[in-house]
Protein backbone atom coordinates (compact mmCIF):
# COMPACT_ATOMS: atom_id res chain seq x y z
CA MET A 1 10.32 33.84 -41.10
CA SER A 2 8.70 36.31 -38.74
CA LYS A 3 9.85 36.80 -35.14
CA GLN A 4 6.64 35.26 -33.86
CA ASN A 5 7.03 32.11 -36.02
CA PHE A 6 10.67 31.87 -34.95
CA ARG A 7 9.67 32.03 -31.24
CA ILE A 8 6.97 29.41 -31.75
CA THR A 9 9.48 27.14 -33.52
CA LEU A 10 12.00 27.60 -30.68
CA LEU A 11 9.27 26.88 -28.10
CA LEU A 12 8.24 23.70 -29.91
CA ILE A 13 11.88 22.53 -30.13
CA PHE A 14 12.33 23.32 -26.44
CA LEU A 15 9.16 21.39 -25.49
CA PHE A 16 10.26 18.47 -27.66
CA PHE A 17 13.57 18.20 -25.79
CA VAL A 18 11.88 18.60 -22.40
CA GLY A 19 9.58 15.74 -23.36
CA LEU A 20 12.52 13.55 -24.38
CA ILE A 21 14.27 14.27 -21.08
CA ALA A 22 11.11 13.44 -19.13
CA ILE A 23 10.70 10.14 -21.01
CA PHE A 24 14.35 9.29 -20.30
CA PHE A 25 13.93 9.81 -16.54
CA VAL A 26 10.67 7.84 -16.39
CA TYR A 27 12.27 4.96 -18.31
CA LYS A 28 15.37 5.08 -16.09
CA GLU A 29 13.23 4.93 -12.91
CA LYS A 30 11.18 2.04 -14.29
CA LYS A 31 14.36 0.18 -15.23
CA ASN A 32 15.83 0.74 -11.74
CA TYR A 33 12.60 -0.45 -10.12
CA LEU A 34 12.72 -3.68 -12.09
CA LYS A 35 16.29 -4.33 -10.91
CA LYS A 36 15.33 -4.16 -7.23
CA ASP A 37 14.60 -7.33 -5.27
CA ILE A 38 11.10 -6.05 -4.58
CA VAL A 39 8.08 -8.01 -5.63
CA PRO A 40 4.81 -6.09 -5.71
CA ILE A 41 2.12 -7.61 -3.53
CA PRO A 42 -1.30 -7.92 -5.10
CA THR A 43 -3.80 -5.69 -3.37
CA ILE A 44 -6.80 -7.87 -4.11
CA VAL A 45 -6.79 -11.31 -2.49
CA VAL A 46 -8.71 -13.86 -4.52
CA ARG A 47 -9.35 -17.25 -3.01
CA GLU A 48 -10.82 -20.15 -4.91
CA LYS A 49 -12.74 -22.90 -3.11
CA VAL A 50 -12.02 -26.54 -3.91
CA LYS A 51 -12.19 -29.94 -2.24
CA VAL A 52 -9.10 -31.96 -1.25
CA ILE A 53 -9.31 -35.54 -2.53
CA ARG A 54 -5.85 -36.81 -1.50
CA VAL A 55 -2.85 -35.83 0.61
CA ILE A 56 0.52 -36.73 -0.89
CA ASP A 57 2.68 -35.58 2.02
CA GLY A 58 3.03 -32.71 4.47
CA ASP A 59 3.15 -29.96 1.84
CA THR A 60 1.43 -31.37 -1.25
CA ILE A 61 -2.21 -32.25 -1.85
CA VAL A 62 -4.48 -33.26 -4.72
CA ILE A 63 -7.70 -31.35 -5.33
CA GLU A 64 -10.77 -32.03 -7.46
CA GLY A 65 -9.83 -32.56 -11.08
CA ASN A 66 -6.76 -34.55 -9.96
CA ILE A 67 -4.70 -31.33 -9.69
CA LYS A 68 -1.62 -31.31 -7.47
CA VAL A 69 -1.12 -28.30 -5.18
CA ARG A 70 2.15 -27.44 -3.43
CA TYR A 71 1.97 -25.21 -0.36
CA ILE A 72 3.92 -21.97 -0.78
CA GLY A 73 6.60 -20.72 1.59
CA MET A 74 7.26 -23.84 3.63
CA ASN A 75 8.61 -27.35 3.38
CA THR A 76 7.98 -30.55 5.30
CA PRO A 77 10.32 -33.54 5.53
CA GLU A 78 10.15 -35.77 2.43
CA LEU A 79 7.86 -38.77 2.52
CA VAL A 80 7.60 -39.89 -1.12
CA ASP A 81 10.66 -38.49 -2.92
CA PRO A 82 12.20 -41.46 -4.79
CA ARG A 83 15.60 -39.75 -4.68
CA LYS A 84 15.61 -39.54 -0.87
CA SER A 85 15.06 -41.88 2.03
CA LEU A 86 12.22 -41.34 4.47
CA GLN A 87 13.09 -38.19 6.41
CA CYS A 88 12.66 -37.58 10.13
CA PHE A 89 9.13 -36.37 10.99
CA SER A 90 7.81 -36.90 7.43
CA VAL A 91 5.10 -39.34 8.50
CA GLU A 92 3.95 -37.01 11.29
CA ALA A 93 3.84 -34.01 8.90
CA SER A 94 1.85 -36.00 6.33
CA ASP A 95 -0.58 -37.27 8.97
CA LYS A 96 -1.10 -33.74 10.30
CA ASN A 97 -1.78 -32.45 6.79
CA LYS A 98 -4.35 -35.25 6.28
CA GLU A 99 -6.04 -34.33 9.56
CA LEU A 100 -6.22 -30.68 8.52
CA VAL A 101 -7.37 -30.88 4.89
CA LEU A 102 -8.32 -34.35 3.60
CA GLY A 103 -11.91 -34.45 2.34
CA LYS A 104 -12.45 -30.80 3.26
CA GLU A 105 -13.32 -27.76 1.24
CA ILE A 106 -10.33 -25.43 1.24
CA GLU A 107 -9.65 -21.96 -0.07
CA MET A 108 -6.53 -21.41 -2.14
CA GLU A 109 -4.69 -18.11 -2.53
CA LYS A 110 -2.18 -17.49 -5.29
CA ASP A 111 0.93 -15.35 -4.78
CA ILE A 112 2.89 -14.48 -7.93
CA SER A 113 3.77 -17.83 -9.55
CA GLU A 114 1.10 -20.11 -10.93
CA ILE A 115 2.98 -23.44 -10.94
CA ASP A 116 6.35 -24.90 -9.91
CA LYS A 117 8.81 -26.80 -12.11
CA TYR A 118 6.85 -30.03 -11.49
CA GLY A 119 3.59 -28.54 -12.77
CA ARG A 120 1.96 -28.28 -9.33
CA LEU A 121 -0.17 -25.25 -8.47
CA LEU A 122 1.54 -23.04 -5.90
CA ARG A 123 -0.89 -21.81 -3.26
CA TYR A 124 -1.50 -20.70 0.29
CA VAL A 125 -4.19 -23.02 1.64
CA TYR A 126 -6.92 -22.14 4.15
CA VAL A 127 -9.46 -24.18 6.09
CA ASP A 128 -12.10 -22.18 7.95
CA GLY A 129 -9.98 -19.05 7.57
CA ILE A 130 -6.83 -20.66 9.06
CA MET A 131 -3.74 -20.68 6.83
CA ILE A 132 -2.49 -24.27 6.78
CA ASN A 133 0.97 -23.26 5.50
CA LYS A 134 1.57 -21.16 8.63
CA LEU A 135 -0.12 -23.63 10.99
CA LEU A 136 2.25 -26.40 9.90
CA ILE A 137 5.21 -24.10 10.63
CA ASP A 138 3.66 -22.93 13.94
CA GLU A 139 3.31 -26.50 15.19
CA GLY A 140 6.77 -27.67 14.09
CA PHE A 141 5.70 -29.85 11.15
CA ALA A 142 7.44 -27.64 8.59
CA ASN A 143 10.23 -25.15 8.15
CA ILE A 144 10.18 -21.93 6.16
CA ASP A 145 11.18 -22.29 2.50
CA THR A 146 10.31 -19.13 0.59
CA VAL A 147 11.29 -18.74 -3.05
CA VAL A 148 11.22 -15.42 -4.92
CA PRO A 149 8.86 -14.16 -6.23
CA ASP A 150 6.41 -15.94 -3.88
CA ILE A 151 7.35 -14.14 -0.66
CA LYS A 152 4.12 -12.47 0.37
CA TYR A 153 4.10 -14.02 3.86
CA LYS A 154 7.85 -14.54 4.28
CA GLU A 155 8.19 -12.44 7.45
CA ILE A 156 5.16 -14.08 9.07
CA PHE A 157 6.58 -17.53 8.29
CA LYS A 158 10.02 -16.54 9.64
CA GLU A 159 8.48 -15.49 12.95
CA ALA A 160 6.41 -18.69 13.14
CA GLU A 161 9.50 -20.86 12.59
CA LYS A 162 11.51 -18.86 15.11
CA GLN A 163 8.77 -19.46 17.70
CA ALA A 164 8.51 -23.20 16.96
CA ARG A 165 12.30 -23.56 17.22
CA SER A 166 12.43 -21.66 20.50
CA GLU A 167 9.66 -23.88 21.92
CA ASN A 168 11.52 -26.96 20.60
CA ILE A 169 8.36 -28.54 19.18
CA GLY A 170 7.70 -31.00 16.37
CA LEU A 171 10.61 -31.64 14.07
CA TRP A 172 12.75 -29.18 16.04
CA GLU A 173 12.59 -31.60 18.99
CA LYS A 174 12.56 -34.96 17.19
CA CYS A 175 15.02 -34.36 14.35
CA LYS A 176 18.10 -32.97 16.07
CA LYS A 177 21.31 -33.98 14.38
């Protein structure tokens, strides 16, 4: 083997090992990223328009096609859960939700998850550009209830609840234990 062929062979072996090392570090970084409690936020917001045909309670509606939709990031007192008794402020939360969305065209925004364990679509809901999820928290009809990975508006919801609590409105006034 000539000196030149020997050098080329050594260079190729060297480049091969450099490539393996680079692949190892890229894989390691990707693996570490996946372990973090960070959920990437979609950069493109897609909203679908639908009509609300029924309101089940303060945080669940039925849209055209008889599809149930559960609002993301918040929870209202239970109105129709057969396992629980009627909760404080549940009727008021349901009535407010009816006032806001029943019979109206809404826009729905998906976060990460498509459906919950009950088969309901998980969505942020808007009427005339106003997010109903946040409005219900703002006005004391709901409390924050974010579940990973659907945490896109978690900090906004936390601030809204903090404000409603400090103003002692809605369920924060009526449902003191």
